[in-house]
Amino acid sequence: MILVGSRKGAEKVMASVTTFLERRLKLRVNPKKSQVLRVAKLEFLGFAFHAGRMRISNASMLEFRFRLKRYSCRNWFVSMEHRLAKLRRYVVGWMNYYGLSEPHGHGSNLTGWLYRRIRMCYWVIWRRPRTRIKRLLNLGVHLTRAVGLGRSSLWPWKCSRLLGLVLSPEWLAAQGVVSPTAEWKRCAHLR
């Protein structure tokens, strides 16, 4: 990445650097990755630069959501301890890297979405109505409500919304679920 004052100067520098790299150093320059851009349109190493501020690029944010979705997939049949350990490792590492940028607009409701997906995973792991009712009773749900929810034929995603009162964010945090919002605040000293 080479920053210059004008577009004309950038094109000259691009031509001379490309010539130097290809002739002297015998390296090939990839024309898709090497280009002349305004700083406002620049994306570099997962960061986007706009109006003098560094933000997370949209592609990086989509990749983050995709990986969270993969780690909280209800069809990934691993123990919850393994799942939460992988999720924690990924979120903490991602926040350590991107924590120095400005907040992304799509990240505000990410924690609630992740908590709901984890609730869905618990619901799928509990699997049988008898097990679900027993777990709900252990969490302090009234018997009639536990039976009604435990025998429900709703899809796991719908049930995860109903479980929001039972499997609260505090309970999920005690189980080891990492909060992207809390991790973002933890990295505030980097900004």
C-alpha atoms as a PDB file:
ATOM      1  CA  MET A   1       0.000   0.000   0.000  1.00  0.00           C
ATOM      2  CA  ILE A   2       1.522   3.274  -1.148  1.00  0.00           C
ATOM      3  CA  LEU A   3      -0.217   6.545  -0.397  1.00  0.00           C
ATOM      4  CA  VAL A   4       0.335   9.593  -2.586  1.00  0.00           C
ATOM      5  CA  GLY A   5      -1.361  12.977  -2.985  1.00  0.00           C
ATOM      6  CA  SER A   6      -2.981  12.758  -6.413  1.00  0.00           C
ATOM      7  CA  ARG A   7      -4.375  10.180  -8.801  1.00  0.00           C
ATOM      8  CA  LYS A   8      -1.862  11.093 -11.503  1.00  0.00           C
ATOM      9  CA  GLY A   9       0.993  10.635  -9.039  1.00  0.00           C
ATOM     10  CA  ALA A  10      -0.511   7.324  -7.883  1.00  0.00           C
ATOM     11  CA  GLU A  11      -0.623   5.991 -11.437  1.00  0.00           C
ATOM     12  CA  LYS A  12       3.033   6.969 -12.005  1.00  0.00           C
ATOM     13  CA  VAL A  13       4.115   5.318  -8.772  1.00  0.00           C
ATOM     14  CA  MET A  14       2.055   2.226  -9.612  1.00  0.00           C
ATOM     15  CA  ALA A  15       3.750   1.875 -12.999  1.00  0.00           C
ATOM     16  CA  SER A  16       7.258   2.366 -11.601  1.00  0.00           C
ATOM     17  CA  VAL A  17       6.728   0.004  -8.656  1.00  0.00           C
ATOM     18  CA  THR A  18       5.224  -2.658 -10.910  1.00  0.00           C
ATOM     19  CA  THR A  19       8.186  -2.366 -13.292  1.00  0.00           C
ATOM     20  CA  PHE A  20      10.654  -2.574 -10.411  1.00  0.00           C
ATOM     21  CA  LEU A  21       8.980  -5.617  -8.883  1.00  0.00           C
ATOM     22  CA  GLU A  22       8.648  -7.498 -12.142  1.00  0.00           C
ATOM     23  CA  ARG A  23      12.036  -6.703 -13.704  1.00  0.00           C
ATOM     24  CA  ARG A  24      14.400  -6.350 -10.751  1.00  0.00           C
ATOM     25  CA  LEU A  25      12.890  -8.683  -8.196  1.00  0.00           C
ATOM     26  CA  LYS A  26      11.308 -11.116 -10.679  1.00  0.00           C
ATOM     27  CA  LEU A  27       7.957 -11.006  -8.877  1.00  0.00           C
ATOM     28  CA  ARG A  28       4.561 -11.004 -10.519  1.00  0.00           C
ATOM     29  CA  VAL A  29       2.141  -8.256  -9.565  1.00  0.00           C
ATOM     30  CA  ASN A  30      -1.467  -9.370  -9.285  1.00  0.00           C
ATOM     31  CA  PRO A  31      -3.561  -6.742 -11.112  1.00  0.00           C
ATOM     32  CA  LYS A  32      -6.685  -7.682  -9.115  1.00  0.00           C
ATOM     33  CA  LYS A  33      -5.017  -6.934  -5.806  1.00  0.00           C
ATOM     34  CA  SER A  34      -2.810  -4.069  -6.954  1.00  0.00           C
ATOM     35  CA  GLN A  35      -4.789  -1.038  -7.984  1.00  0.00           C
ATOM     36  CA  VAL A  36      -5.044   2.706  -7.675  1.00  0.00           C
ATOM     37  CA  LEU A  37      -7.869   3.690  -5.318  1.00  0.00           C
ATOM     38  CA  ARG A  38      -9.041   6.611  -3.278  1.00  0.00           C
ATOM     39  CA  VAL A  39      -8.458   6.110   0.430  1.00  0.00           C
ATOM     40  CA  ALA A  40     -12.221   6.271   1.008  1.00  0.00           C
ATOM     41  CA  LYS A  41     -12.653   3.060  -1.040  1.00  0.00           C
ATOM     42  CA  LEU A  42      -9.685   1.240   0.419  1.00  0.00           C
ATOM     43  CA  GLU A  43     -10.055  -2.094   2.180  1.00  0.00           C
ATOM     44  CA  PHE A  44      -6.870  -3.540   3.607  1.00  0.00           C
ATOM     45  CA  LEU A  45      -6.438  -6.612   5.831  1.00  0.00           C
ATOM     46  CA  GLY A  46     -10.120  -6.628   6.766  1.00  0.00           C
ATOM     47  CA  PHE A  47     -10.328  -2.930   7.555  1.00  0.00           C
ATOM     48  CA  ALA A  48     -12.122  -0.248   5.568  1.00  0.00           C
ATOM     49  CA  PHE A  49     -10.995   3.369   5.687  1.00  0.00           C
ATOM     50  CA  HIS A  50     -13.574   6.109   5.406  1.00  0.00           C
ATOM     51  CA  ALA A  51     -13.358   9.797   6.309  1.00  0.00           C
ATOM     52  CA  GLY A  52     -10.149   9.296   8.249  1.00  0.00           C
ATOM     53  CA  ARG A  53     -11.579   6.462  10.328  1.00  0.00           C
ATOM     54  CA  MET A  54     -10.759   2.813  10.362  1.00  0.00           C
ATOM     55  CA  ARG A  55     -13.718   0.410  10.413  1.00  0.00           C
ATOM     56  CA  ILE A  56     -14.280  -3.288   9.931  1.00  0.00           C
ATOM     57  CA  SER A  57     -14.984  -4.057   6.294  1.00  0.00           C
ATOM     58  CA  ASN A  58     -18.360  -5.499   5.362  1.00  0.00           C
ATOM     59  CA  ALA A  59     -16.713  -8.667   4.070  1.00  0.00           C
ATOM     60  CA  SER A  60     -14.974  -9.216   7.413  1.00  0.00           C
ATOM     61  CA  MET A  61     -18.206  -8.668   9.310  1.00  0.00           C
ATOM     62  CA  LEU A  62     -20.032 -11.157   7.079  1.00  0.00           C
ATOM     63  CA  GLU A  63     -17.256 -13.699   7.619  1.00  0.00           C
ATOM     64  CA  PHE A  64     -17.516 -13.140  11.395  1.00  0.00           C
ATOM     65  CA  ARG A  65     -21.268 -13.787  11.363  1.00  0.00           C
ATOM     66  CA  PHE A  66     -20.765 -16.851   9.143  1.00  0.00           C
ATOM     67  CA  ARG A  67     -18.221 -18.346  11.556  1.00  0.00           C
ATOM     68  CA  LEU A  68     -20.438 -17.599  14.567  1.00  0.00           C
ATOM     69  CA  LYS A  69     -23.263 -19.325  12.733  1.00  0.00           C
ATOM     70  CA  ARG A  70     -21.045 -22.320  12.041  1.00  0.00           C
ATOM     71  CA  TYR A  71     -19.961 -22.645  15.680  1.00  0.00           C
ATOM     72  CA  SER A  72     -23.542 -22.296  16.905  1.00  0.00           C
ATOM     73  CA  CYS A  73     -25.058 -24.653  14.338  1.00  0.00           C
ATOM     74  CA  ARG A  74     -27.663 -26.960  15.824  1.00  0.00           C
ATOM     75  CA  ASN A  75     -26.529 -29.817  13.566  1.00  0.00           C
ATOM     76  CA  TRP A  76     -22.940 -29.805  14.835  1.00  0.00           C
ATOM     77  CA  PHE A  77     -23.100 -32.719  17.247  1.00  0.00           C
ATOM     78  CA  VAL A  78     -20.319 -31.952  19.705  1.00  0.00           C
ATOM     79  CA  SER A  79     -20.489 -31.297  23.423  1.00  0.00           C
ATOM     80  CA  MET A  80     -21.503 -27.829  24.544  1.00  0.00           C
ATOM     81  CA  GLU A  81     -18.167 -27.444  26.331  1.00  0.00           C
ATOM     82  CA  HIS A  82     -16.285 -28.037  23.088  1.00  0.00           C
ATOM     83  CA  ARG A  83     -18.625 -25.762  21.140  1.00  0.00           C
ATOM     84  CA  LEU A  84     -18.358 -22.921  23.679  1.00  0.00           C
ATOM     85  CA  ALA A  85     -14.568 -23.270  23.899  1.00  0.00           C
ATOM     86  CA  LYS A  86     -14.247 -22.984  20.108  1.00  0.00           C
ATOM     87  CA  LEU A  87     -16.661 -20.062  20.070  1.00  0.00           C
ATOM     88  CA  ARG A  88     -14.799 -18.260  22.864  1.00  0.00           C
ATOM     89  CA  ARG A  89     -11.437 -18.765  21.169  1.00  0.00           C
ATOM     90  CA  TYR A  90     -12.735 -17.403  17.881  1.00  0.00           C
ATOM     91  CA  VAL A  91     -14.585 -14.383  19.310  1.00  0.00           C
ATOM     92  CA  VAL A  92     -11.736 -13.341  21.615  1.00  0.00           C
ATOM     93  CA  GLY A  93      -9.175 -13.674  18.813  1.00  0.00           C
ATOM     94  CA  TRP A  94     -11.376 -11.791  16.355  1.00  0.00           C
ATOM     95  CA  MET A  95     -11.972  -8.981  18.829  1.00  0.00           C
ATOM     96  CA  ASN A  96      -8.279  -8.768  19.662  1.00  0.00           C
ATOM     97  CA  TYR A  97      -7.569  -8.200  15.965  1.00  0.00           C
ATOM     98  CA  TYR A  98     -10.479  -5.905  15.055  1.00  0.00           C
ATOM     99  CA  GLY A  99     -10.851  -4.257  18.467  1.00  0.00           C
ATOM    100  CA  LEU A 100      -8.866  -1.182  17.468  1.00  0.00           C
ATOM    101  CA  SER A 101     -11.345  -0.175  14.765  1.00  0.00           C
ATOM    102  CA  GLU A 102     -14.540   1.805  15.146  1.00  0.00           C
ATOM    103  CA  PRO A 103     -17.720  -0.143  15.876  1.00  0.00           C
ATOM    104  CA  HIS A 104     -19.563  -1.665  12.937  1.00  0.00           C
ATOM    105  CA  GLY A 105     -23.223  -0.781  12.553  1.00  0.00           C
ATOM    106  CA  HIS A 106     -24.310  -4.412  12.198  1.00  0.00           C
ATOM    107  CA  GLY A 107     -22.629  -5.524  15.408  1.00  0.00           C
ATOM    108  CA  SER A 108     -25.118  -3.979  17.815  1.00  0.00           C
ATOM    109  CA  ASN A 109     -27.584  -6.880  17.878  1.00  0.00           C
ATOM    110  CA  LEU A 110     -24.974  -9.584  17.389  1.00  0.00           C
ATOM    111  CA  THR A 111     -24.896 -10.667  21.035  1.00  0.00           C
ATOM    112  CA  GLY A 112     -28.657 -11.225  21.222  1.00  0.00           C
ATOM    113  CA  TRP A 113     -28.579 -13.185  17.980  1.00  0.00           C
ATOM    114  CA  LEU A 114     -25.688 -15.359  19.237  1.00  0.00           C
ATOM    115  CA  TYR A 115     -27.432 -15.992  22.579  1.00  0.00           C
ATOM    116  CA  ARG A 116     -30.556 -17.098  20.755  1.00  0.00           C
ATOM    117  CA  ARG A 117     -28.545 -19.499  18.608  1.00  0.00           C
ATOM    118  CA  ILE A 118     -26.890 -20.985  21.713  1.00  0.00           C
ATOM    119  CA  ARG A 119     -30.323 -21.425  23.329  1.00  0.00           C
ATOM    120  CA  MET A 120     -31.379 -23.251  20.169  1.00  0.00           C
ATOM    121  CA  CYS A 121     -28.361 -25.564  20.537  1.00  0.00           C
ATOM    122  CA  TYR A 122     -29.302 -26.373  24.128  1.00  0.00           C
ATOM    123  CA  TRP A 123     -32.857 -27.094  23.011  1.00  0.00           C
ATOM    124  CA  VAL A 124     -31.654 -29.505  20.314  1.00  0.00           C
ATOM    125  CA  ILE A 125     -29.231 -31.233  22.701  1.00  0.00           C
ATOM    126  CA  TRP A 126     -31.988 -31.755  25.263  1.00  0.00           C
ATOM    127  CA  ARG A 127     -33.865 -33.443  22.409  1.00  0.00           C
ATOM    128  CA  ARG A 128     -36.599 -35.516  24.080  1.00  0.00           C
ATOM    129  CA  PRO A 129     -39.638 -33.968  25.739  1.00  0.00           C
ATOM    130  CA  ARG A 130     -38.896 -35.743  29.025  1.00  0.00           C
ATOM    131  CA  THR A 131     -35.359 -34.354  29.095  1.00  0.00           C
ATOM    132  CA  ARG A 132     -36.553 -30.875  28.157  1.00  0.00           C
ATOM    133  CA  ILE A 133     -39.186 -30.845  30.896  1.00  0.00           C
ATOM    134  CA  LYS A 134     -36.668 -32.102  33.467  1.00  0.00           C
ATOM    135  CA  ARG A 135     -34.107 -29.426  32.480  1.00  0.00           C
ATOM    136  CA  LEU A 136     -36.712 -26.669  32.538  1.00  0.00           C
ATOM    137  CA  LEU A 137     -37.899 -27.766  35.983  1.00  0.00           C
ATOM    138  CA  ASN A 138     -34.273 -27.725  37.209  1.00  0.00           C
ATOM    139  CA  LEU A 139     -34.005 -24.146  35.952  1.00  0.00           C
ATOM    140  CA  GLY A 140     -37.016 -23.115  38.038  1.00  0.00           C
ATOM    141  CA  VAL A 141     -39.791 -23.076  35.448  1.00  0.00           C
ATOM    142  CA  HIS A 142     -43.306 -23.796  36.736  1.00  0.00           C
ATOM    143  CA  LEU A 143     -44.507 -27.360  36.024  1.00  0.00           C
ATOM    144  CA  THR A 144     -47.342 -26.486  33.617  1.00  0.00           C
ATOM    145  CA  ARG A 145     -45.150 -24.108  31.670  1.00  0.00           C
ATOM    146  CA  ALA A 146     -42.287 -26.624  31.542  1.00  0.00           C
ATOM    147  CA  VAL A 147     -44.603 -29.354  30.248  1.00  0.00           C
ATOM    148  CA  GLY A 148     -46.142 -27.013  27.673  1.00  0.00           C
ATOM    149  CA  LEU A 149     -42.780 -25.876  26.359  1.00  0.00           C
ATOM    150  CA  GLY A 150     -41.113 -29.284  26.647  1.00  0.00           C
ATOM    151  CA  ARG A 151     -43.820 -31.001  24.585  1.00  0.00           C
ATOM    152  CA  SER A 152     -43.992 -28.174  22.054  1.00  0.00           C
ATOM    153  CA  SER A 153     -43.730 -29.075  18.393  1.00  0.00           C
ATOM    154  CA  LEU A 154     -42.300 -25.679  17.459  1.00  0.00           C
ATOM    155  CA  TRP A 155     -39.027 -25.527  15.565  1.00  0.00           C
ATOM    156  CA  PRO A 156     -35.898 -25.053  17.698  1.00  0.00           C
ATOM    157  CA  TRP A 157     -35.446 -21.462  16.473  1.00  0.00           C
ATOM    158  CA  LYS A 158     -38.946 -20.534  17.689  1.00  0.00           C
ATOM    159  CA  CYS A 159     -38.399 -22.309  21.005  1.00  0.00           C
ATOM    160  CA  SER A 160     -35.117 -20.487  21.501  1.00  0.00           C
ATOM    161  CA  ARG A 161     -37.068 -17.243  21.641  1.00  0.00           C
ATOM    162  CA  LEU A 162     -39.363 -18.648  24.325  1.00  0.00           C
ATOM    163  CA  LEU A 163     -36.319 -19.869  26.258  1.00  0.00           C
ATOM    164  CA  GLY A 164     -35.025 -16.297  26.515  1.00  0.00           C
ATOM    165  CA  LEU A 165     -36.565 -15.854  29.953  1.00  0.00           C
ATOM    166  CA  VAL A 166     -35.275 -19.166  31.280  1.00  0.00           C
ATOM    167  CA  LEU A 167     -31.802 -19.256  29.741  1.00  0.00           C
ATOM    168  CA  SER A 168     -30.994 -15.651  30.530  1.00  0.00           C
ATOM    169  CA  PRO A 169     -27.805 -13.887  29.417  1.00  0.00           C
ATOM    170  CA  GLU A 170     -26.481 -14.261  32.964  1.00  0.00           C
ATOM    171  CA  TRP A 171     -27.099 -18.020  32.890  1.00  0.00           C
ATOM    172  CA  LEU A 172     -25.467 -18.295  29.463  1.00  0.00           C
ATOM    173  CA  ALA A 173     -22.454 -16.293  30.677  1.00  0.00           C
ATOM    174  CA  ALA A 174     -22.157 -18.666  33.648  1.00  0.00           C
ATOM    175  CA  GLN A 175     -22.085 -21.578  31.174  1.00  0.00           C
ATOM    176  CA  GLY A 176     -19.185 -19.916  29.328  1.00  0.00           C
ATOM    177  CA  VAL A 177     -20.914 -18.236  26.387  1.00  0.00           C
ATOM    178  CA  VAL A 178     -18.853 -15.257  25.262  1.00  0.00           C
ATOM    179  CA  SER A 179     -20.560 -11.960  24.527  1.00  0.00           C
ATOM    180  CA  PRO A 180     -19.246 -10.095  21.463  1.00  0.00           C
ATOM    181  CA  THR A 181     -20.446  -6.822  23.008  1.00  0.00           C
ATOM    182  CA  ALA A 182     -18.535  -7.465  26.244  1.00  0.00           C
ATOM    183  CA  GLU A 183     -15.429  -8.397  24.259  1.00  0.00           C
ATOM    184  CA  TRP A 184     -15.796  -5.212  22.225  1.00  0.00           C
ATOM    185  CA  LYS A 185     -15.892  -3.169  25.435  1.00  0.00           C
ATOM    186  CA  ARG A 186     -12.876  -5.081  26.752  1.00  0.00           C
ATOM    187  CA  CYS A 187     -10.888  -3.952  23.693  1.00  0.00           C
ATOM    188  CA  ALA A 188     -11.912  -0.299  24.128  1.00  0.00           C
ATOM    189  CA  HIS A 189      -8.456   0.631  25.418  1.00  0.00           C
ATOM    190  CA  LEU A 190      -7.027  -0.154  21.969  1.00  0.00           C
ATOM    191  CA  ARG A 191      -9.067   2.589  20.283  1.00  0.00           C
END
